[in-house]
Protein backbone atom coordinates (compact mmCIF):
# COMPACT_ATOMS: atom_id res chain seq x y z
CA MET A 1 -15.20 -23.46 -4.99
CA SER A 2 -12.73 -26.25 -5.67
CA THR A 3 -9.06 -26.25 -4.72
CA PRO A 4 -6.12 -28.31 -6.00
CA ALA A 5 -5.34 -31.35 -3.92
CA SER A 6 -1.85 -30.01 -3.29
CA LEU A 7 -3.36 -27.00 -1.53
CA ASN A 8 -5.70 -28.82 0.84
CA ASP A 9 -6.57 -27.71 4.35
CA SER A 10 -4.10 -30.07 5.98
CA THR A 11 -1.04 -28.56 4.26
CA ILE A 12 -1.75 -24.83 4.24
CA GLN A 13 -3.13 -23.50 7.49
CA ALA A 14 -3.17 -20.40 9.61
CA ARG A 15 -3.06 -20.63 13.39
CA THR A 16 -5.51 -18.58 15.44
CA GLY A 17 -5.13 -19.40 19.11
CA THR A 18 -5.80 -23.12 19.37
CA THR A 19 -7.87 -23.25 16.18
CA ARG A 20 -6.36 -24.11 12.82
CA VAL A 21 -8.00 -22.40 9.87
CA PRO A 22 -7.15 -22.95 6.19
CA ALA A 23 -5.01 -20.08 4.92
CA LEU A 24 -6.05 -17.78 2.10
CA VAL A 25 -4.76 -19.27 -1.16
CA ASP A 26 -5.47 -18.09 -4.69
CA GLY A 27 -5.93 -20.18 -7.81
CA PHE A 28 -2.20 -20.13 -8.56
CA GLY A 29 -1.09 -21.32 -5.15
CA ARG A 30 -0.03 -17.94 -3.77
CA VAL A 31 -0.68 -17.64 -0.03
CA VAL A 32 -2.08 -14.24 0.94
CA SER A 33 -0.78 -12.68 4.16
CA ASP A 34 -0.95 -8.91 3.53
CA LEU A 35 -4.23 -6.95 3.75
CA ARG A 36 -4.39 -3.40 2.40
CA VAL A 37 -7.28 -1.50 4.02
CA SER A 38 -8.40 1.85 2.61
CA LEU A 39 -9.86 4.02 5.38
CA THR A 40 -11.19 6.79 3.15
CA ASP A 41 -11.18 8.00 -0.44
CA VAL A 42 -10.71 11.60 0.71
CA CYS A 43 -7.31 13.26 0.31
CA ASN A 44 -5.97 16.73 1.17
CA LEU A 45 -3.42 16.76 -1.67
CA ARG A 46 -3.95 16.92 -5.42
CA CYS A 47 -0.96 15.00 -6.76
CA THR A 48 -0.94 15.33 -10.52
CA TYR A 49 -0.54 11.57 -11.14
CA CYS A 50 -3.48 10.70 -8.88
CA MET A 51 -6.36 13.15 -9.22
CA PRO A 52 -7.29 16.41 -10.94
CA ALA A 53 -6.77 19.77 -9.23
CA GLU A 54 -10.49 20.12 -8.57
CA GLY A 55 -10.55 16.79 -6.77
CA LEU A 56 -12.97 13.89 -7.19
CA PRO A 57 -16.48 13.20 -5.91
CA CYS A 58 -16.25 11.43 -2.54
CA MET A 59 -18.26 8.36 -1.70
CA PRO A 60 -21.14 9.06 0.71
CA ALA A 61 -20.20 8.54 4.34
CA SER A 62 -22.98 5.95 4.63
CA GLN A 63 -21.14 3.75 2.13
CA ARG A 64 -17.86 3.69 4.06
CA LEU A 65 -17.32 0.90 6.53
CA THR A 66 -17.75 1.93 10.15
CA ASP A 67 -15.03 1.17 12.66
CA ASP A 68 -17.01 -1.82 13.96
CA GLU A 69 -17.49 -3.19 10.44
CA LEU A 70 -13.86 -2.68 9.55
CA VAL A 71 -12.64 -4.47 12.68
CA ARG A 72 -15.09 -7.34 12.07
CA ALA A 73 -13.80 -7.73 8.52
CA ALA A 74 -10.16 -7.50 9.59
CA SER A 75 -10.68 -10.16 12.26
CA VAL A 76 -11.93 -12.57 9.59
CA PHE A 77 -8.84 -11.96 7.45
CA VAL A 78 -6.53 -12.34 10.46
CA SER A 79 -8.18 -15.63 11.41
CA ALA A 80 -7.09 -17.00 8.03
CA GLY A 81 -3.44 -15.99 8.23
CA ILE A 82 -3.24 -12.29 7.41
CA SER A 83 -0.17 -11.19 9.35
CA GLN A 84 0.15 -7.56 8.15
CA ILE A 85 -2.49 -4.88 7.74
CA ARG A 86 -1.55 -1.69 5.92
CA LEU A 87 -3.86 1.29 6.35
CA THR A 88 -4.19 3.44 3.24
CA GLY A 89 -6.46 5.91 1.50
CA GLY A 90 -7.05 8.52 0.11
CA GLU A 91 -5.30 9.93 3.13
CA PRO A 92 -5.79 7.62 6.16
CA LEU A 93 -4.92 10.35 8.70
CA LEU A 94 -8.22 12.02 7.76
CA ARG A 95 -10.14 9.12 9.27
CA PRO A 96 -11.87 10.27 12.50
CA ARG A 97 -10.87 8.56 15.77
CA LEU A 98 -7.96 6.83 14.06
CA PRO A 99 -5.89 5.94 17.17
CA GLY A 100 -8.88 4.09 18.62
CA LEU A 101 -9.28 2.10 15.42
CA VAL A 102 -5.57 1.25 15.35
CA ALA A 103 -5.76 0.06 18.96
CA ARG A 104 -8.65 -2.28 18.10
CA LEU A 105 -6.75 -3.72 15.15
CA ALA A 106 -3.65 -4.19 17.31
CA ALA A 107 -5.78 -6.16 19.78
CA LEU A 108 -6.69 -8.82 17.19
CA GLU A 109 -5.32 -12.31 17.80
CA PRO A 110 -2.81 -13.23 16.57
CA ARG A 111 -1.67 -9.62 16.48
CA PRO A 112 -1.00 -8.41 12.93
CA ARG A 113 1.82 -6.02 12.10
CA LEU A 114 0.26 -2.62 11.45
CA ALA A 115 1.63 -0.21 8.86
CA MET A 116 0.31 2.93 7.22
CA THR A 117 0.90 4.76 3.96
CA THR A 118 0.30 8.49 4.34
CA ASN A 119 1.08 11.79 2.68
CA GLY A 120 2.44 12.92 6.05
CA LEU A 121 0.70 16.30 6.27
CA SER A 122 -0.73 15.56 9.74
CA LEU A 123 1.84 13.01 10.85
CA ALA A 124 3.63 15.36 13.26
CA ARG A 125 0.41 15.53 15.28
CA TRP A 126 -0.54 11.86 15.09
CA ALA A 127 2.73 9.91 15.08
CA GLY A 128 2.95 9.65 18.88
CA PRO A 129 -0.70 8.70 19.53
CA LEU A 130 -0.67 6.17 16.69
CA ALA A 131 2.54 4.56 17.91
CA SER A 132 1.05 4.32 21.41
CA ALA A 133 -2.09 2.74 19.94
CA GLY A 134 -0.10 0.01 18.21
CA LEU A 135 0.96 1.27 14.77
CA ASP A 136 4.33 -0.29 13.93
CA ARG A 137 5.65 1.75 11.00
CA VAL A 138 4.81 4.22 8.25
CA ASN A 139 5.50 4.88 4.59
CA VAL A 140 5.36 8.56 3.67
CA SER A 141 4.75 9.63 0.09
CA LEU A 142 7.26 12.31 -0.90
CA ASP A 143 8.25 12.85 -4.52
CA THR A 144 10.55 15.85 -4.08
CA ILE A 145 12.31 17.92 -1.42
CA ASP A 146 12.16 21.11 -3.48
CA PRO A 147 9.39 23.31 -1.98
CA GLN A 148 8.32 24.88 -5.27
CA GLN A 149 8.31 21.56 -7.08
CA TYR A 150 6.35 19.99 -4.23
CA CYS A 151 3.74 22.73 -4.51
CA ARG A 152 3.41 22.18 -8.27
CA LEU A 153 3.12 18.41 -7.85
CA THR A 154 0.61 18.38 -5.00
CA GLY A 155 -1.23 21.66 -5.36
CA ARG A 156 -0.35 22.54 -1.75
CA ASP A 157 2.49 24.46 -0.09
CA ARG A 158 2.95 21.88 2.67
CA LEU A 159 6.42 20.37 2.28
CA ARG A 160 7.51 21.62 5.71
CA HIS A 161 4.65 19.70 7.34
CA VAL A 162 5.69 16.46 5.65
CA ILE A 163 9.31 16.93 6.77
CA ALA A 164 8.10 17.53 10.34
CA GLY A 165 5.92 14.44 10.12
CA LEU A 166 8.81 12.25 9.06
CA ALA A 167 10.90 13.44 11.99
CA ALA A 168 7.99 12.87 14.38
CA ALA A 169 7.52 9.32 13.09
CA ARG A 170 11.17 8.57 13.71
CA GLU A 171 10.99 10.01 17.24
CA ALA A 172 7.83 8.03 17.97
CA GLY A 173 9.58 4.77 17.09
CA LEU A 174 7.64 4.08 13.89
CA ARG A 175 10.69 2.47 12.33
CA PRO A 176 11.86 1.92 9.76
CA VAL A 177 10.50 5.19 8.41
CA LYS A 178 10.06 4.65 4.69
CA VAL A 179 9.67 7.22 1.93
CA ASN A 180 7.85 6.44 -1.32
CA ALA A 181 8.70 8.53 -4.38
CA VAL A 182 7.04 8.27 -7.79
CA VAL A 183 9.41 9.36 -10.55
CA MET A 184 7.90 11.22 -13.51
CA ARG A 185 9.58 12.16 -16.77
CA GLY A 186 10.09 15.86 -17.22
CA VAL A 187 8.90 16.48 -13.67
CA ASN A 188 11.17 15.20 -10.92
CA GLU A 189 13.68 12.74 -12.37
CA GLY A 190 16.36 15.39 -11.97
CA ILE A 191 16.14 15.28 -8.15
CA VAL A 192 16.43 11.48 -7.83
CA PRO A 193 20.03 11.47 -6.46
CA ASP A 194 19.35 14.45 -4.18
CA LEU A 195 16.31 12.79 -2.66
CA LEU A 196 18.27 9.64 -1.90
CA ALA A 197 21.09 11.64 -0.27
CA TRP A 198 18.53 13.53 1.83
CA CYS A 199 16.90 10.31 3.05
CA LEU A 200 20.20 8.57 3.78
CA GLU A 201 21.34 11.52 5.90
CA ARG A 202 18.20 11.21 8.05
CA GLY A 203 18.01 7.44 8.24
CA TYR A 204 14.87 7.08 6.10
CA GLU A 205 14.48 4.13 3.73
CA LEU A 206 13.67 5.43 0.25
CA ARG A 207 11.80 3.49 -2.42
CA PHE A 208 11.48 4.83 -5.95
CA ILE A 209 8.32 3.69 -7.73
CA GLU A 210 7.47 3.47 -11.41
CA GLN A 211 4.35 5.45 -12.20
CA MET A 212 1.42 3.09 -12.73
CA PRO A 213 -1.82 3.55 -14.73
CA LEU A 214 -4.02 4.46 -11.76
CA ASP A 215 -4.67 8.17 -12.31
CA ALA A 216 -8.28 9.37 -12.32
CA GLN A 217 -7.66 11.24 -15.57
CA HIS A 218 -6.53 8.03 -17.37
CA GLY A 219 -3.69 10.02 -18.88
CA TRP A 220 -0.90 7.53 -18.10
CA ARG A 221 1.33 6.64 -21.03
CA ARG A 222 4.01 3.99 -20.89
CA ASP A 223 6.38 5.94 -23.12
CA GLN A 224 6.33 8.81 -20.61
CA MET A 225 7.09 6.60 -17.62
CA VAL A 226 10.56 6.63 -16.04
CA THR A 227 11.54 2.97 -15.72
CA GLY A 228 13.26 1.32 -12.79
CA ALA A 229 16.32 0.75 -14.98
CA GLU A 230 16.47 4.47 -15.78
CA ILE A 231 16.16 5.37 -12.10
CA ARG A 232 19.04 3.04 -11.27
CA GLU A 233 21.14 4.71 -13.98
CA LEU A 234 20.39 8.14 -12.52
CA LEU A 235 21.47 6.97 -9.07
CA ALA A 236 24.60 5.26 -10.42
CA ARG A 237 25.96 8.63 -11.56
CA ARG A 238 26.44 9.55 -7.91
CA PHE A 239 26.28 6.34 -5.85
CA THR A 240 27.57 2.79 -6.05
CA LEU A 241 24.65 0.38 -5.89
CA ARG A 242 24.90 -3.35 -5.19
CA PRO A 243 22.02 -5.84 -4.83
CA ALA A 244 21.26 -6.19 -1.14
CA PRO A 245 21.87 -9.64 0.36
CA GLY A 246 19.00 -11.90 1.33
CA GLU A 247 15.85 -13.15 -0.33
CA ARG A 248 13.42 -10.64 -1.78
CA GLY A 249 10.40 -12.80 -0.99
CA SER A 250 7.12 -10.99 -1.64
CA SER A 251 8.59 -7.51 -1.27
CA PRO A 252 7.55 -5.22 -4.13
CA ALA A 253 10.95 -3.52 -4.02
CA GLN A 254 14.31 -4.74 -5.21
CA HIS A 255 16.78 -3.42 -2.64
CA PHE A 256 20.32 -2.17 -3.19
CA THR A 257 23.03 -1.16 -0.75
CA VAL A 258 24.31 2.36 -1.32
CA ASP A 259 28.08 2.96 -1.30
CA GLY A 260 28.64 -0.28 0.56
CA GLY A 261 25.89 0.31 3.13
CA PRO A 262 24.44 0.32 5.65
CA GLY A 263 22.05 2.60 3.74
CA THR A 264 19.81 1.04 1.11
CA VAL A 265 17.42 2.11 -1.62
CA GLY A 266 14.52 0.20 -3.16
CA LEU A 267 13.21 0.16 -6.72
CA VAL A 268 9.57 -0.80 -7.26
CA SER A 269 9.35 -1.61 -10.96
CA SER A 270 5.74 -2.76 -11.04
CA VAL A 271 5.37 -2.10 -14.76
CA THR A 272 8.68 -3.18 -16.30
CA ALA A 273 9.58 -5.93 -13.80
CA PRO A 274 6.32 -7.00 -12.12
CA PHE A 275 6.45 -9.16 -8.99
CA CYS A 276 2.99 -10.68 -9.48
CA GLY A 277 4.27 -14.24 -9.13
CA ALA A 278 5.11 -13.60 -5.47
CA CYS A 279 2.17 -11.30 -4.66
CA ASP A 280 0.74 -11.94 -1.18
CA ARG A 281 -1.77 -9.06 -1.08
CA ILE A 282 -5.50 -8.59 -0.94
CA ARG A 283 -7.37 -5.28 -0.61
CA LEU A 284 -10.42 -3.96 1.22
CA THR A 285 -11.70 -0.60 -0.03
CA ALA A 286 -13.22 2.08 2.19
CA ASP A 287 -16.70 1.10 1.01
CA GLY A 288 -16.16 -2.56 1.83
CA MET A 289 -15.21 -4.08 -1.52
CA VAL A 290 -12.61 -6.87 -1.64
CA ARG A 291 -10.15 -6.64 -4.51
CA SER A 292 -7.73 -9.49 -5.15
CA CYS A 293 -5.45 -7.30 -7.28
CA LEU A 294 -4.76 -3.59 -7.54
CA PHE A 295 -5.75 -3.78 -11.22
CA ALA A 296 -8.65 -6.22 -10.83
CA ARG A 297 -11.63 -5.82 -13.12
CA ARG A 298 -13.96 -7.31 -10.49
CA GLU A 299 -14.49 -6.92 -6.77
CA LEU A 300 -16.51 -8.53 -4.00
CA ASP A 301 -19.12 -6.61 -2.02
CA LEU A 302 -18.35 -7.49 1.60
CA ARG A 303 -20.25 -4.53 3.05
CA THR A 304 -23.68 -5.93 2.31
CA PRO A 305 -23.17 -9.27 4.13
CA LEU A 306 -21.38 -7.44 6.95
CA ARG A 307 -24.42 -5.23 7.45
CA GLY A 308 -26.75 -8.17 6.93
CA GLY A 309 -25.36 -10.02 9.93
CA ALA A 310 -23.23 -12.61 8.17
CA GLY A 311 -21.01 -14.60 10.50
CA PRO A 312 -17.23 -15.04 10.23
CA GLY A 313 -17.51 -18.36 8.43
CA GLU A 314 -19.84 -16.99 5.75
CA LEU A 315 -17.64 -13.92 5.23
CA LEU A 316 -14.54 -16.07 4.97
CA ASP A 317 -16.19 -18.30 2.35
CA LEU A 318 -17.00 -15.24 0.26
CA ILE A 319 -13.42 -13.96 0.55
CA ARG A 320 -11.98 -17.33 -0.45
CA GLU A 321 -14.22 -17.51 -3.49
CA GLU A 322 -13.14 -14.03 -4.63
CA LEU A 323 -9.48 -14.77 -4.02
CA TRP A 324 -9.76 -17.83 -6.24
CA HIS A 325 -10.32 -15.41 -9.13
CA LYS A 326 -7.15 -13.41 -8.44
CA PRO A 327 -5.45 -12.95 -11.82
CA ARG A 328 -2.04 -14.44 -12.50
CA ALA A 329 -0.66 -10.95 -13.25
CA HIS A 330 -1.83 -7.34 -13.46
CA GLY A 331 -1.78 -7.40 -17.27
CA ILE A 332 -0.30 -3.93 -17.84
CA ASN A 333 2.06 -5.38 -20.44
CA GLU A 334 -0.63 -7.33 -22.28
CA ALA A 335 -2.55 -6.25 -25.35
CA GLY A 336 -5.96 -4.87 -24.53
CA PHE A 337 -5.07 -3.78 -20.98
CA THR A 338 -7.41 -1.13 -19.59
CA GLN A 339 -7.09 0.79 -16.34
CA PRO A 340 -9.39 -0.02 -13.43
CA VAL A 341 -12.52 2.10 -13.29
CA ARG A 342 -11.57 3.17 -9.77
CA PRO A 343 -8.61 5.53 -9.38
CA MET A 344 -5.89 4.88 -6.81
CA SER A 345 -7.49 7.21 -4.26
CA SER A 346 -10.62 5.04 -4.28
CA ILE A 347 -8.89 1.65 -4.35
CA GLY A 348 -6.27 2.39 -1.70
CA GLY A 349 -2.50 2.15 -2.08
């Protein structure tokens, strides 16, 4: 693999103890610092925009990375400058012995920030133990606060458990507690202002997300998607929004102050206003595949060399080579775009 002279080892480095290791850089000069790790493809909800009501076939347990393999892989990424690890799924709280795994990840040097994206069903039980193990914060997926609508959207009558989980996360110190909401036309766009008011009252940071083509059914249609601009218009009927001060950096969300602050709301317009030019992410699936982009058409098998005894240097070379093929953009707005073969539950959020 060749790299541009302007991105040589002497100018872009990650510090690990007293050793300096070249940072992870893609072919367009973007430095990667955020690792998304899927812990499982299993989920206990059936959200309509993610998977069918009957669910999806799960990967065999033998294909999923063990805790030891996952920590080995994470340590390689951290050695090259990964400073945040986000645990995803499927539903990550379904991973057995999760607090122990979090504690091992928190013990890596230099210590990465640890976040988790969860549906929140079991968060009331696990928030305290996970915070004690080293988890720093959580994002909870919640598309509505109407119990009947929640049941229709997810296939489960469990809204009260999610609300309890959010409160438990706040009490455990997993702050800021963030809420992710996907807005769907004809489904939940009518509750957009109410959901923001509910989150502001409780001190949760809400982010509205454009629906992306990642459903297992491949039924996504752009003309049915509620855009970020439309979401902002819905909010503006009730609130005064102003762009939040400060640089956005690599954040996927554009943040706005609400009614002068201090409360804020974020808009993640991945389809209509993509942030690919500042993307700092790389993904590791539950079965050990490295994906340089959520919508990548290729992936690297890291599980086989992990199980074959490959050392950190060999694994890092493989990761660098794959990252060099990271696309400039996700391509949703280009002619000929096709969805990834894997659905979101298999890739990891």
